[in-house]
Amino acid sequence: MKDKNLVWYASFGSNINVDRFLCYIKGGKPALSNDTERGCRDMTLPRSEKPFVMNHQLYFAKEAGRWNGGGVGFIDVVRDPAYRTYSNMYLVTREQFLDIVAQENGLDSFDMDFDEVMEKGAKVVQDSWYGNLLYLGDEGGYPVFTFTNPEPMAPDEVKKPSVEYLSTIITGLQKSAGLEEDEIVAYFMDVPGVKGTYTEQELRNVVRGDGSRV
């Protein structure tokens, strides 16, 4: 019997890095970030974690103060098999997921109807950067949720991600998805926000931990 109180939270941005994500669970200041997170009411660690691929376009946009004013990750809400966006997902309680959404959106608290989001596939629950909740199907008997921008990708909002933010994601890609340098470089080269703002060599420098050469 599956625990109906558990859901997968699938992250495609900085939370793909488990060390950064756990600051949303336990509280604390993530490495390379400018902000300290308050953590969840229930600080129990995720029951499980695993890599997950989303068929949604990844892009970087807006300006995030916590990441030195650089763009942050979003996915387009339209599913398209042409795109493969890597994520890492964590099996957490519904309450923890609500607390994660609240922290991502700068809210004191947050609530949602999980069944409604599953029925509709997506629902805008908050007019904020990550106020659009997406249901991505089931994995191992548990529903998979993520969140992204309520608005479609806007070319004038596409923004180069900071070295610190990109490095955080890259560490997650290496640990969770097991990607090597060439795979990571190829993954990012066509992503809006990175394409045309980082050269291939600059990306390689970030992957190698030498962001000072960007």
Protein backbone atom coordinates (compact mmCIF):
# COMPACT_ATOMS: atom_id res chain seq x y z
CA MET A 1 0.00 0.00 0.00
CA LYS A 2 1.47 3.32 -1.12
CA ASP A 3 1.48 6.23 1.31
CA LYS A 4 -0.96 8.71 -0.26
CA ASN A 5 0.71 11.51 1.68
CA LEU A 6 3.91 11.22 -0.37
CA VAL A 7 4.65 12.98 -3.67
CA TRP A 8 7.68 13.44 -5.88
CA TYR A 9 9.05 16.97 -6.25
CA ALA A 10 11.01 17.11 -9.51
CA SER A 11 13.57 19.92 -9.82
CA PHE A 12 15.23 21.12 -13.01
CA GLY A 13 17.00 24.18 -11.53
CA SER A 14 19.36 24.61 -8.60
CA ASN A 15 17.42 22.08 -6.51
CA ILE A 16 18.70 19.36 -8.81
CA ASN A 17 21.73 19.70 -6.52
CA VAL A 18 20.72 17.73 -3.42
CA ASP A 19 22.90 19.81 -1.07
CA ARG A 20 21.15 22.99 -2.21
CA PHE A 21 17.72 21.34 -2.07
CA LEU A 22 18.17 20.10 1.49
CA CYS A 23 18.39 23.73 2.64
CA TYR A 24 14.68 23.90 1.75
CA ILE A 25 14.10 20.90 4.01
CA LYS A 26 16.43 21.62 6.94
CA GLY A 27 16.99 25.36 6.52
CA GLY A 28 20.33 27.05 5.97
CA LYS A 29 22.34 28.96 3.39
CA PRO A 30 23.15 27.05 0.19
CA ALA A 31 26.69 27.22 -1.12
CA LEU A 32 27.16 30.07 -3.64
CA SER A 33 23.70 31.53 -2.89
CA ASN A 34 23.06 34.89 -1.23
CA ASP A 35 19.95 33.82 0.72
CA THR A 36 19.30 31.66 3.76
CA GLU A 37 16.29 29.32 3.59
CA ARG A 38 13.98 28.73 6.57
CA GLY A 39 13.35 25.05 5.86
CA CYS A 40 10.19 22.95 6.19
CA ARG A 41 7.99 22.52 9.24
CA ASP A 42 8.83 18.83 8.96
CA MET A 43 12.57 18.52 8.46
CA THR A 44 12.52 14.79 7.75
CA LEU A 45 14.84 13.98 4.86
CA PRO A 46 13.31 12.81 1.54
CA ARG A 47 12.31 9.14 1.58
CA SER A 48 14.01 8.65 -1.78
CA GLU A 49 15.54 10.53 -4.69
CA LYS A 50 16.16 9.63 -8.32
CA PRO A 51 16.94 11.25 -11.69
CA PHE A 52 14.01 12.13 -13.92
CA VAL A 53 13.74 13.50 -17.47
CA MET A 54 11.11 16.08 -18.41
CA ASN A 55 9.94 16.60 -21.98
CA HIS A 56 9.74 20.36 -21.51
CA GLN A 57 12.06 23.09 -22.77
CA LEU A 58 14.48 24.47 -20.20
CA TYR A 59 15.35 28.18 -20.26
CA PHE A 60 16.87 30.83 -18.00
CA ALA A 61 15.12 34.12 -17.38
CA LYS A 62 14.49 37.07 -15.01
CA GLU A 63 17.03 38.41 -12.50
CA ALA A 64 17.46 36.61 -9.18
CA GLY A 65 19.10 38.52 -6.36
CA ARG A 66 19.95 35.31 -4.53
CA TRP A 67 22.00 34.30 -7.57
CA ASN A 68 23.86 37.58 -8.17
CA GLY A 69 21.22 39.01 -10.49
CA GLY A 70 21.48 36.24 -13.08
CA GLY A 71 18.68 34.33 -14.75
CA VAL A 72 17.16 31.27 -13.12
CA GLY A 73 15.72 28.08 -14.56
CA PHE A 74 12.18 27.60 -15.82
CA ILE A 75 10.53 25.06 -18.09
CA ASP A 76 7.93 25.74 -20.74
CA VAL A 77 4.55 24.35 -19.71
CA VAL A 78 3.96 22.67 -23.08
CA ARG A 79 5.17 19.09 -23.22
CA ASP A 80 7.34 18.42 -26.27
CA PRO A 81 9.23 15.12 -26.79
CA ALA A 82 11.89 17.07 -28.71
CA TYR A 83 13.17 18.42 -25.39
CA ARG A 84 14.88 16.43 -22.64
CA THR A 85 15.40 18.41 -19.46
CA TYR A 86 17.24 16.62 -16.68
CA SER A 87 15.91 16.81 -13.16
CA ASN A 88 16.34 15.17 -9.81
CA MET A 89 13.23 14.28 -7.87
CA TYR A 90 12.68 13.83 -4.18
CA LEU A 91 9.98 11.83 -2.41
CA VAL A 92 8.56 14.17 0.22
CA THR A 93 5.31 14.62 2.12
CA ARG A 94 2.57 16.85 0.75
CA GLU A 95 3.19 19.27 3.61
CA GLN A 96 6.88 19.46 2.73
CA PHE A 97 6.05 20.09 -0.92
CA LEU A 98 3.76 22.96 0.10
CA ASP A 99 6.58 24.43 2.22
CA ILE A 100 9.01 24.09 -0.69
CA VAL A 101 6.63 25.94 -3.03
CA ALA A 102 6.15 28.64 -0.38
CA GLN A 103 9.90 29.16 -0.02
CA GLU A 104 10.45 29.28 -3.77
CA ASN A 105 7.77 31.95 -4.09
CA GLY A 106 8.69 34.02 -1.05
CA LEU A 107 5.47 33.16 0.81
CA ASP A 108 4.95 32.58 4.53
CA SER A 109 2.65 29.65 3.77
CA PHE A 110 0.99 27.96 0.82
CA ASP A 111 -1.82 25.50 0.13
CA MET A 112 -3.12 23.75 -2.98
CA ASP A 113 -5.54 21.08 -4.13
CA PHE A 114 -3.27 18.25 -5.30
CA ASP A 115 -6.12 16.33 -6.90
CA GLU A 116 -7.18 19.35 -8.95
CA VAL A 117 -3.67 19.89 -10.28
CA MET A 118 -3.46 16.20 -11.20
CA GLU A 119 -6.80 16.38 -12.98
CA LYS A 120 -5.96 19.51 -14.96
CA GLY A 121 -2.27 18.78 -15.52
CA ALA A 122 -1.30 22.32 -14.53
CA LYS A 123 -2.72 25.17 -12.49
CA VAL A 124 -1.55 28.70 -11.80
CA VAL A 125 -1.90 29.05 -8.05
CA GLN A 126 0.15 32.19 -7.47
CA ASP A 127 1.14 35.22 -9.54
CA SER A 128 4.85 34.69 -8.95
CA TRP A 129 7.89 33.29 -10.71
CA TYR A 130 7.14 29.70 -9.71
CA GLY A 131 3.39 29.97 -9.24
CA ASN A 132 2.44 27.47 -11.96
CA LEU A 133 2.12 23.92 -10.60
CA LEU A 134 2.61 21.06 -13.08
CA TYR A 135 1.67 17.41 -12.72
CA LEU A 136 4.10 15.27 -14.71
CA GLY A 137 2.59 11.82 -14.24
CA ASP A 138 3.35 9.05 -11.77
CA GLU A 139 6.59 7.35 -10.85
CA GLY A 140 6.60 4.21 -8.74
CA GLY A 141 3.02 4.83 -7.69
CA TYR A 142 3.53 8.42 -6.55
CA PRO A 143 2.51 11.60 -8.41
CA VAL A 144 5.28 13.84 -9.76
CA PHE A 145 4.97 17.61 -9.39
CA THR A 146 7.10 20.59 -10.30
CA PHE A 147 6.54 24.32 -10.69
CA THR A 148 7.47 26.98 -13.22
CA ASN A 149 6.55 30.42 -14.54
CA PRO A 150 2.83 31.09 -15.20
CA GLU A 151 3.78 33.02 -18.35
CA PRO A 152 5.28 31.54 -21.55
CA MET A 153 8.96 32.15 -22.23
CA ALA A 154 9.41 35.81 -23.20
CA PRO A 155 12.50 36.63 -25.30
CA ASP A 156 13.00 39.96 -23.52
CA GLU A 157 13.12 38.18 -20.13
CA VAL A 158 15.66 35.53 -21.13
CA LYS A 159 18.75 36.15 -19.01
CA LYS A 160 22.23 34.71 -18.66
CA PRO A 161 22.51 32.61 -15.47
CA SER A 162 25.30 33.47 -13.07
CA VAL A 163 28.33 31.22 -12.81
CA GLU A 164 27.25 30.39 -9.24
CA TYR A 165 23.78 29.27 -10.31
CA LEU A 166 25.03 27.30 -13.29
CA SER A 167 27.71 25.65 -11.14
CA THR A 168 25.06 24.55 -8.65
CA ILE A 169 23.02 22.89 -11.40
CA ILE A 170 26.10 21.32 -12.96
CA THR A 171 27.05 19.70 -9.65
CA GLY A 172 23.55 18.21 -9.56
CA LEU A 173 23.83 16.96 -13.13
CA GLN A 174 27.11 15.26 -12.31
CA LYS A 175 25.84 13.62 -9.12
CA SER A 176 22.25 12.74 -10.00
CA ALA A 177 22.34 12.17 -13.75
CA GLY A 178 25.98 11.07 -13.92
CA LEU A 179 26.73 13.39 -16.84
CA GLU A 180 30.28 13.95 -18.05
CA GLU A 181 31.78 17.25 -19.20
CA ASP A 182 30.99 16.86 -22.91
CA GLU A 183 27.40 15.86 -22.15
CA ILE A 184 26.87 18.85 -19.84
CA VAL A 185 28.32 21.30 -22.36
CA ALA A 186 26.16 19.87 -25.16
CA TYR A 187 23.11 19.98 -22.86
CA PHE A 188 23.45 23.69 -22.15
CA MET A 189 24.69 25.05 -25.48
CA ASP A 190 21.21 25.42 -27.01
CA VAL A 191 19.34 26.43 -23.85
CA PRO A 192 17.91 29.98 -24.02
CA GLY A 193 19.82 32.15 -21.57
CA VAL A 194 23.03 30.18 -22.07
CA LYS A 195 23.04 30.06 -25.85
CA GLY A 196 25.00 33.05 -27.11
CA THR A 197 26.01 34.20 -23.61
CA TYR A 198 28.52 31.46 -22.73
CA THR A 199 31.07 30.13 -25.18
CA GLU A 200 31.78 26.42 -25.23
CA GLN A 201 35.12 27.03 -23.50
CA GLU A 202 33.48 29.17 -20.81
CA LEU A 203 31.00 26.39 -20.14
CA ARG A 204 33.82 23.90 -19.87
CA ASN A 205 35.55 26.18 -17.38
CA VAL A 206 32.42 26.25 -15.23
CA VAL A 207 32.08 22.47 -15.40
CA ARG A 208 35.71 22.17 -14.30
CA GLY A 209 35.09 24.49 -11.36
CA ASP A 210 37.00 27.44 -12.82
CA GLY A 211 34.22 29.99 -13.13
CA SER A 212 36.72 32.78 -12.71
CA ARG A 213 37.64 32.28 -16.37
CA VAL A 214 34.17 33.24 -17.62
